[in-house]
Protein backbone atom coordinates (compact mmCIF):
# COMPACT_ATOMS: atom_id res chain seq x y z
CA MET A 1 14.85 33.31 36.65
CA TRP A 2 14.19 33.38 32.91
CA ARG A 3 11.09 31.39 31.98
CA LEU A 4 9.74 30.08 28.69
CA SER A 5 6.09 30.62 27.89
CA PRO A 6 3.94 27.52 27.36
CA ILE A 7 3.63 28.37 23.63
CA VAL A 8 7.41 28.52 23.24
CA ILE A 9 7.84 25.25 25.13
CA ILE A 10 5.29 23.51 22.89
CA THR A 11 6.98 24.92 19.78
CA LEU A 12 10.37 23.67 20.95
CA MET A 13 8.95 20.21 21.65
CA ILE A 14 7.45 20.05 18.16
CA ASN A 15 10.75 21.10 16.60
CA ILE A 16 12.70 18.57 18.66
CA ASN A 17 10.28 15.78 17.71
CA SER A 18 10.42 16.82 14.07
CA LYS A 19 14.20 16.71 14.09
CA SER A 20 14.34 13.34 15.78
CA ASN A 21 11.77 11.85 13.38
CA ALA A 22 13.61 13.34 10.40
CA HIS A 23 16.60 11.11 11.16
CA LEU A 24 14.57 7.90 11.15
CA PRO A 25 15.62 5.72 8.18
CA TYR A 26 12.01 4.77 7.41
CA ARG A 27 9.02 6.76 8.65
CA ARG A 28 6.10 5.00 6.96
CA LEU A 29 6.26 1.20 6.71
CA VAL A 30 4.07 -1.55 5.30
CA VAL A 31 4.81 -4.92 6.90
CA LYS A 32 3.56 -8.06 5.15
CA LEU A 33 3.26 -11.19 7.30
CA GLY A 34 3.02 -14.48 5.43
CA THR A 35 1.01 -17.55 6.39
CA GLY A 36 4.11 -19.73 6.83
CA LEU A 37 5.50 -17.20 9.28
CA LEU A 38 2.30 -16.72 11.29
CA THR A 39 1.77 -20.47 11.61
CA GLY A 40 5.42 -21.37 12.16
CA GLY A 41 4.99 -23.90 9.33
CA SER A 42 2.17 -25.66 11.18
CA SER A 43 -1.55 -25.83 10.43
CA LYS A 44 -2.59 -23.17 12.96
CA LEU A 45 -1.60 -19.71 14.14
CA ASN A 46 1.50 -19.63 16.31
CA LEU A 47 0.77 -17.19 19.13
CA ASP A 48 4.40 -17.02 20.29
CA ILE A 49 5.58 -15.91 16.86
CA MET A 50 2.68 -13.48 16.45
CA SER A 51 3.37 -12.04 19.89
CA GLN A 52 6.99 -11.30 18.97
CA LEU A 53 5.96 -9.68 15.70
CA THR A 54 3.26 -7.50 17.24
CA ARG A 55 5.64 -6.43 20.01
CA GLN A 56 8.07 -5.06 17.42
CA VAL A 57 5.34 -3.31 15.45
CA ALA A 58 3.97 -1.77 18.64
CA GLN A 59 7.41 -0.50 19.63
CA LEU A 60 7.82 1.29 16.30
CA HIS A 61 4.27 2.62 16.57
CA HIS A 62 5.04 4.17 19.96
CA GLU A 63 8.25 5.65 18.55
CA GLY A 64 6.08 7.67 16.19
CA ARG A 65 6.49 5.61 13.03
CA GLU A 66 3.50 5.01 10.74
CA LEU A 67 2.76 1.34 10.05
CA LEU A 68 0.26 -0.80 8.21
CA ILE A 69 0.16 -4.59 8.31
CA VAL A 70 -0.83 -6.77 5.37
CA SER A 71 -1.59 -10.11 6.96
CA SER A 72 -2.14 -13.54 5.49
CA GLY A 73 -3.35 -16.42 7.67
CA ALA A 74 -7.15 -16.16 7.45
CA ILE A 75 -7.61 -19.58 5.84
CA ALA A 76 -5.20 -21.20 8.30
CA ALA A 77 -7.09 -19.54 11.16
CA GLY A 78 -10.36 -20.83 9.71
CA ARG A 79 -9.05 -24.39 9.60
CA GLN A 80 -7.96 -24.03 13.21
CA LYS A 81 -11.31 -22.62 14.33
CA LEU A 82 -13.33 -25.32 12.54
CA GLY A 83 -10.95 -28.15 13.43
CA VAL A 84 -10.33 -29.05 9.78
CA SER A 85 -6.97 -30.51 8.82
CA LYS A 86 -5.20 -29.16 5.75
CA GLN A 87 -4.91 -32.66 4.31
CA LYS A 88 -8.63 -33.42 4.63
CA GLN A 89 -10.15 -30.06 3.73
CA PRO A 90 -12.10 -29.87 0.43
CA LYS A 91 -10.08 -28.19 -2.30
CA ASP A 92 -12.97 -26.31 -3.92
CA ILE A 93 -13.04 -22.51 -3.86
CA PRO A 94 -16.33 -22.09 -1.93
CA PHE A 95 -14.93 -24.06 1.02
CA ARG A 96 -11.76 -21.96 1.00
CA GLN A 97 -14.00 -18.92 1.10
CA VAL A 98 -15.81 -20.38 4.10
CA LEU A 99 -12.48 -20.90 5.84
CA ALA A 100 -11.46 -17.34 5.03
CA SER A 101 -14.75 -15.96 6.33
CA VAL A 102 -14.46 -17.82 9.65
CA GLY A 103 -10.73 -17.33 9.91
CA GLN A 104 -10.59 -13.60 9.21
CA HIS A 105 -12.67 -12.89 12.30
CA HIS A 106 -10.51 -15.20 14.41
CA LEU A 107 -7.31 -13.68 12.99
CA MET A 108 -8.46 -10.16 13.88
CA GLN A 109 -9.40 -11.29 17.39
CA VAL A 110 -5.84 -12.52 17.89
CA TYR A 111 -4.37 -9.26 16.60
CA GLU A 112 -6.78 -7.26 18.77
CA GLN A 113 -5.73 -9.17 21.89
CA LEU A 114 -2.01 -8.96 21.14
CA PHE A 115 -1.94 -5.26 20.26
CA SER A 116 -4.20 -4.31 23.19
CA GLN A 117 -1.39 -5.47 25.47
CA HIS A 118 0.67 -2.61 24.00
CA ASP A 119 -2.17 -0.03 23.99
CA VAL A 120 -2.37 0.01 20.20
CA THR A 121 -5.76 0.45 18.53
CA VAL A 122 -6.28 -1.66 15.42
CA ALA A 123 -8.61 -1.48 12.42
CA GLN A 124 -9.39 -3.89 9.60
CA ALA A 125 -9.55 -3.37 5.82
CA LEU A 126 -10.46 -6.05 3.27
CA LEU A 127 -9.61 -5.17 -0.33
CA THR A 128 -10.00 -6.55 -3.84
CA ARG A 129 -8.46 -5.40 -7.12
CA SER A 130 -11.80 -4.04 -8.28
CA ASP A 131 -11.85 -1.72 -5.26
CA LEU A 132 -8.75 0.02 -6.62
CA ALA A 133 -9.13 -0.41 -10.38
CA ASP A 134 -10.87 2.91 -10.93
CA ARG A 135 -9.22 6.15 -9.93
CA ALA A 136 -12.00 7.13 -7.49
CA GLY A 137 -11.79 3.81 -5.62
CA TYR A 138 -8.01 4.09 -5.48
CA LEU A 139 -8.21 7.59 -3.98
CA ASN A 140 -10.99 6.68 -1.54
CA THR A 141 -8.96 3.74 -0.20
CA ARG A 142 -5.83 5.88 -0.02
CA ASN A 143 -7.65 8.61 1.91
CA THR A 144 -9.05 6.11 4.42
CA LEU A 145 -5.67 4.48 5.07
CA LEU A 146 -3.94 7.86 5.43
CA ALA A 147 -6.67 9.03 7.84
CA LEU A 148 -6.12 5.93 10.00
CA LEU A 149 -2.39 6.65 10.08
CA GLU A 150 -3.06 10.23 11.11
CA LEU A 151 -5.32 9.02 13.92
CA ARG A 152 -2.57 6.63 15.07
CA VAL A 153 -4.71 3.56 14.34
CA LEU A 154 -2.87 0.46 13.11
CA CYS A 155 -4.72 -0.94 10.10
CA ILE A 156 -4.50 -4.67 9.37
CA ILE A 157 -5.22 -5.40 5.71
CA ASN A 158 -6.07 -8.61 3.90
CA GLU A 159 -7.55 -9.55 0.56
CA ASN A 160 -11.29 -10.12 0.67
CA ASP A 161 -11.17 -13.84 -0.20
CA VAL A 162 -14.92 -14.16 0.31
CA VAL A 163 -15.43 -11.94 -2.74
CA ALA A 164 -12.22 -12.34 -4.77
CA ILE A 165 -12.14 -15.81 -6.33
CA ASP A 166 -9.65 -17.43 -8.70
CA GLU A 167 -12.00 -17.44 -11.68
CA ILE A 168 -12.43 -13.65 -11.56
CA GLN A 169 -8.80 -12.83 -12.26
CA GLU A 170 -9.26 -9.08 -12.54
CA ALA A 171 -10.82 -8.97 -9.07
CA LYS A 172 -8.04 -10.89 -7.34
CA PHE A 173 -4.57 -9.73 -6.32
CA GLY A 174 -3.37 -13.34 -6.41
CA ASP A 175 -1.63 -13.29 -3.04
CA ASN A 176 -0.78 -10.86 -0.29
CA ASP A 177 2.70 -10.14 -1.66
CA ASN A 178 1.08 -8.25 -4.55
CA LEU A 179 -1.49 -6.72 -2.21
CA SER A 180 1.25 -5.43 0.11
CA ALA A 181 3.03 -3.76 -2.84
CA MET A 182 -0.21 -2.11 -3.84
CA VAL A 183 -0.77 -0.85 -0.28
CA ALA A 184 2.77 0.54 -0.21
CA ASN A 185 1.99 2.21 -3.53
CA LEU A 186 -1.30 3.57 -2.16
CA VAL A 187 0.13 5.28 0.92
CA ASP A 188 3.49 6.31 -0.54
CA ALA A 189 5.39 4.17 1.97
CA ASP A 190 9.11 4.49 2.61
CA LEU A 191 9.59 0.75 3.15
CA LEU A 192 7.75 -2.43 2.26
CA LEU A 193 8.97 -5.25 4.50
CA ILE A 194 7.87 -8.72 3.33
CA LEU A 195 8.40 -11.32 6.04
CA SER A 196 8.09 -15.05 5.44
CA ASP A 197 10.05 -18.21 6.21
CA ILE A 198 12.95 -17.43 3.87
CA ALA A 199 15.70 -14.87 4.47
CA GLY A 200 15.62 -13.26 1.03
CA LEU A 201 16.62 -13.89 -2.58
CA TYR A 202 19.40 -16.44 -3.03
CA THR A 203 21.67 -17.39 -5.91
CA ALA A 204 19.91 -20.79 -5.83
CA ASP A 205 17.19 -22.54 -3.83
CA PRO A 206 18.72 -22.69 -0.30
CA HIS A 207 16.53 -25.69 0.57
CA ARG A 208 18.16 -27.74 -2.19
CA ASN A 209 21.59 -26.21 -2.68
CA SER A 210 23.98 -25.78 0.25
CA ASP A 211 26.13 -23.40 -1.83
CA ALA A 212 23.28 -20.92 -2.26
CA ARG A 213 24.25 -17.39 -1.19
CA LEU A 214 21.95 -14.62 -0.03
CA ILE A 215 21.86 -11.59 -2.32
CA PRO A 216 21.97 -8.60 0.06
CA GLN A 217 20.87 -5.91 -2.41
CA VAL A 218 19.22 -5.67 -5.82
CA ASP A 219 19.63 -2.32 -7.54
CA GLN A 220 17.70 -3.31 -10.66
CA ILE A 221 15.34 -6.22 -11.32
CA THR A 222 16.84 -7.84 -14.40
CA GLU A 223 15.93 -10.99 -16.31
CA GLU A 224 18.66 -12.77 -14.36
CA ILE A 225 17.05 -11.78 -11.06
CA GLU A 226 13.68 -13.06 -12.26
CA GLN A 227 15.26 -16.38 -13.26
CA LEU A 228 16.81 -16.72 -9.80
CA ALA A 229 13.39 -16.11 -8.26
CA SER A 230 11.80 -18.88 -10.31
CA GLY A 231 14.22 -21.35 -8.71
CA SER A 232 13.56 -20.26 -5.12
CA HIS A 233 10.53 -21.33 -3.12
CA SER A 234 8.91 -20.46 0.16
CA ARG A 235 7.90 -23.63 1.93
CA THR A 236 4.37 -22.58 2.85
CA GLY A 237 1.74 -20.07 1.78
CA THR A 238 0.71 -18.97 -1.71
CA GLY A 239 3.36 -16.32 -2.30
CA GLY A 240 6.61 -17.80 -3.61
CA MET A 241 9.69 -15.82 -4.62
CA VAL A 242 8.29 -15.13 -8.09
CA THR A 243 5.37 -13.17 -6.64
CA LYS A 244 7.76 -11.34 -4.32
CA ILE A 245 9.79 -10.17 -7.31
CA GLU A 246 6.58 -9.05 -9.00
CA SER A 247 5.82 -7.07 -5.85
CA ALA A 248 9.32 -5.61 -5.86
CA LYS A 249 8.80 -4.37 -9.42
CA LEU A 250 5.72 -2.40 -8.44
CA ALA A 251 7.13 -1.17 -5.13
CA THR A 252 10.45 0.04 -6.52
CA ALA A 253 8.79 1.62 -9.58
CA SER A 254 6.60 3.54 -7.13
CA GLY A 255 9.68 4.80 -5.29
CA VAL A 256 9.38 2.39 -2.34
CA THR A 257 12.29 0.42 -0.90
CA MET A 258 11.40 -3.24 -0.41
CA ILE A 259 13.04 -5.85 1.81
CA ILE A 260 12.44 -9.61 1.85
CA ALA A 261 13.52 -11.14 5.17
CA ASP A 262 12.96 -14.08 7.51
CA GLY A 263 10.35 -13.05 10.05
CA ARG A 264 11.66 -15.61 12.54
CA GLU A 265 14.93 -13.73 13.04
CA LYS A 266 15.20 -11.88 16.35
CA ASP A 267 13.80 -8.32 16.21
CA ILE A 268 13.81 -8.44 12.42
CA ILE A 269 11.21 -5.67 12.06
CA LEU A 270 13.08 -3.32 14.39
CA ARG A 271 16.37 -4.01 12.66
CA ALA A 272 14.96 -3.48 9.17
CA ALA A 273 13.20 -0.29 10.25
CA SER A 274 16.45 1.09 11.69
CA GLY A 275 18.21 0.66 8.36
CA GLU A 276 20.25 -2.41 9.27
CA ALA A 277 21.23 -4.59 6.31
CA VAL A 278 18.90 -7.60 6.61
CA GLY A 279 17.51 -9.99 4.01
CA THR A 280 17.47 -8.76 0.43
CA ARG A 281 16.91 -5.05 -0.16
CA PHE A 282 15.40 -3.87 -3.46
CA MET A 283 16.30 -0.27 -4.22
CA PRO A 284 13.66 2.14 -5.49
CA THR A 285 13.63 4.32 -8.55
CA THR A 286 12.53 7.98 -8.51
CA ARG A 287 9.66 8.88 -6.17
CA ARG A 288 6.41 9.30 -8.11
CA GLU A 289 3.24 11.24 -7.46
CA SER A 290 -0.05 9.48 -6.76
CA ARG A 291 -1.46 9.52 -10.29
CA GLU A 292 1.72 8.02 -11.75
CA ARG A 293 1.70 5.28 -9.09
CA TRP A 294 -1.90 4.42 -9.97
CA LEU A 295 -1.04 4.16 -13.67
CA LEU A 296 1.97 1.94 -12.92
CA SER A 297 0.00 -0.32 -10.60
CA GLY A 298 -1.54 -2.21 -13.54
CA LEU A 299 -4.89 -2.38 -11.76
CA ALA A 300 -6.78 -0.81 -14.65
CA THR A 301 -4.60 -1.90 -17.59
CA ARG A 302 -6.71 -3.13 -20.49
CA GLY A 303 -4.35 -3.61 -23.45
CA LYS A 304 -0.88 -3.51 -24.93
CA LEU A 305 0.83 -1.46 -27.63
CA VAL A 306 4.10 -2.55 -29.27
CA VAL A 307 6.15 0.31 -30.73
CA ASP A 308 9.09 0.54 -33.12
CA ALA A 309 12.62 1.62 -32.23
CA GLY A 310 12.04 5.26 -33.14
CA ALA A 311 8.97 5.55 -30.93
CA ALA A 312 10.75 3.75 -28.08
CA LEU A 313 13.60 6.26 -28.28
CA ALA A 314 11.21 9.22 -28.35
CA LEU A 315 9.33 7.93 -25.31
CA THR A 316 12.31 6.99 -23.16
CA THR A 317 14.86 9.72 -23.95
CA GLN A 318 13.06 12.61 -25.65
CA ASN A 319 10.04 13.11 -23.39
CA GLY A 320 7.77 12.51 -26.38
CA SER A 321 4.18 11.40 -26.80
CA LEU A 322 3.21 8.17 -28.55
CA LEU A 323 2.05 8.76 -32.12
CA ALA A 324 0.21 6.34 -34.37
CA ALA A 325 3.16 6.18 -36.78
CA GLY A 326 5.32 4.44 -34.18
CA ILE A 327 2.84 1.69 -33.26
CA GLN A 328 3.51 -1.76 -34.74
CA HIS A 329 0.97 -3.98 -32.96
CA VAL A 330 -2.05 -3.63 -30.69
CA GLU A 331 -3.20 -6.37 -28.32
CA GLY A 332 -6.33 -6.68 -26.21
CA LYS A 333 -9.67 -4.90 -26.41
CA PHE A 334 -9.94 -1.50 -24.79
CA GLN A 335 -11.79 1.78 -25.10
CA ARG A 336 -10.69 5.38 -25.31
CA GLY A 337 -9.56 6.46 -21.84
CA ASP A 338 -8.36 2.99 -20.80
CA ILE A 339 -4.80 2.37 -19.60
CA VAL A 340 -2.47 0.42 -21.88
CA ASN A 341 1.02 -0.99 -21.41
CA ILE A 342 3.67 0.02 -23.95
CA TYR A 343 6.40 -2.38 -25.09
CA ASP A 344 9.27 -2.19 -27.56
CA LEU A 345 9.90 -4.79 -30.29
CA ALA A 346 12.12 -6.80 -27.92
CA GLU A 347 9.15 -7.16 -25.52
CA ASN A 348 10.67 -4.82 -22.93
CA ARG A 349 7.98 -2.88 -21.05
CA LEU A 350 8.62 0.84 -21.49
CA GLY A 351 5.75 2.16 -19.40
CA CYS A 352 2.02 2.74 -19.58
CA GLY A 353 -0.47 5.48 -20.31
CA ILE A 354 -4.05 6.50 -21.01
CA SER A 355 -5.05 5.86 -24.61
CA ASN A 356 -6.85 8.54 -26.63
CA TYR A 357 -8.14 5.86 -29.01
CA SER A 358 -9.82 2.46 -28.73
CA SER A 359 -8.07 -0.75 -29.75
CA THR A 360 -10.27 -0.88 -32.86
CA ASP A 361 -9.25 2.63 -33.84
CA ILE A 362 -5.55 1.97 -33.24
CA SER A 363 -5.69 -1.17 -35.40
CA LEU A 364 -6.75 1.08 -38.27
CA ILE A 365 -4.32 3.96 -37.72
CA LYS A 366 -1.16 2.16 -36.50
CA GLY A 367 1.85 3.04 -38.62
CA ALA A 368 0.07 6.03 -40.17
CA HIS A 369 1.07 9.68 -39.99
CA SER A 370 -1.04 11.73 -37.57
CA ARG A 371 -2.55 13.87 -40.35
CA LYS A 372 -4.10 10.74 -41.89
CA ILE A 373 -6.11 9.82 -38.75
CA VAL A 374 -9.20 11.77 -39.85
CA THR A 375 -9.10 10.13 -43.29
CA LEU A 376 -8.81 6.63 -41.82
CA LEU A 377 -11.37 7.03 -39.03
CA GLY A 378 -13.58 9.91 -40.11
CA TYR A 379 -12.73 11.73 -36.87
CA ASP A 380 -9.80 12.25 -34.54
CA TYR A 381 -9.10 12.88 -30.86
CA GLY A 382 -5.74 14.51 -31.46
CA ALA A 383 -2.41 13.58 -32.97
CA GLU A 384 -1.24 11.61 -29.94
CA VAL A 385 -2.41 8.07 -29.24
CA VAL A 386 -0.98 8.48 -25.72
CA HIS A 387 -0.14 12.05 -24.73
CA ARG A 388 3.01 12.68 -22.72
CA ASN A 389 0.92 14.14 -19.86
CA ASN A 390 -0.89 10.80 -19.54
CA LEU A 391 2.22 8.66 -19.88
CA VAL A 392 4.53 7.10 -17.28
CA ILE A 393 7.86 5.63 -18.36
CA GLY A 394 9.44 3.04 -16.09
């Protein structure tokens, strides 16, 4: 009888697995779990809900998908552990940090217990904006998360609330919706699934308007979409619909599909991962390489340049660099090598890039022809204020 050698058998198995995985709608997923979902709207973690969510994640993990979880709930877990009611807890930031410190450990214990039932190894990562603001920190975090995925370890990520406080705005993501978009950006995810207690983006606030209709898909985030978001509210947690739309902007600009859905729906994670139409799906733009995603993230943005119509046209349709002659206004204080956002006169964001000149320099040379830069400054770093190679449009 004809026999296959062990090497051939292994090769065939790899090819079969590769083919089966190639047909999966989403291979690498970031799943964000909101506080309102994890607590079931109560003041403590709901183990039944968390058990159902972890079961679905574990099933996808064992199917060979790559997943990361961005989890809220640390403060709620801290209140539960310390026996403090939400109504009576002090409102000051240090006490919230205490709750987060106690609760994060308790939250991870719950995840550890639930995932161990499915033979899934978990890890923890606590991040702040400052961890990712410089390119080296961004790459180090990316490499760690990708290594965990390769080792088949499920990483559970949260913002480091003990360090990131409201007063230090540049060190705080603001909520885990924005953090989840940044994680999806970091690891080049196929899907960002944001689960909370609302089924998606509606034409009006569904809690107040019975005629509100779910919007199944958003191809482009327009001003109208942003206005709809401002009228919709999640009932619990810190991340309302406005922050979810902000997250969608970053995710889709990074080439990541994003879905907002109700985490209480049966098998919602499995259904979303299979490509079923659930919640509201935000469609991505062109896939971008890592450096472009870092520039677009806004983590290291220091200033703003407003350009005239000619410069806007050159940047968006002619693959041009930004020259001093096209700059109308400069806002913020930044140094040479910092990242700046670029806007047109109608306040539409065109993109961002690395500036060859400081804000002080640009204030002196804006509107001037490139050959006059040396005369105005006494030196020059080239004709381009932002070179095309250091520019991302979108």
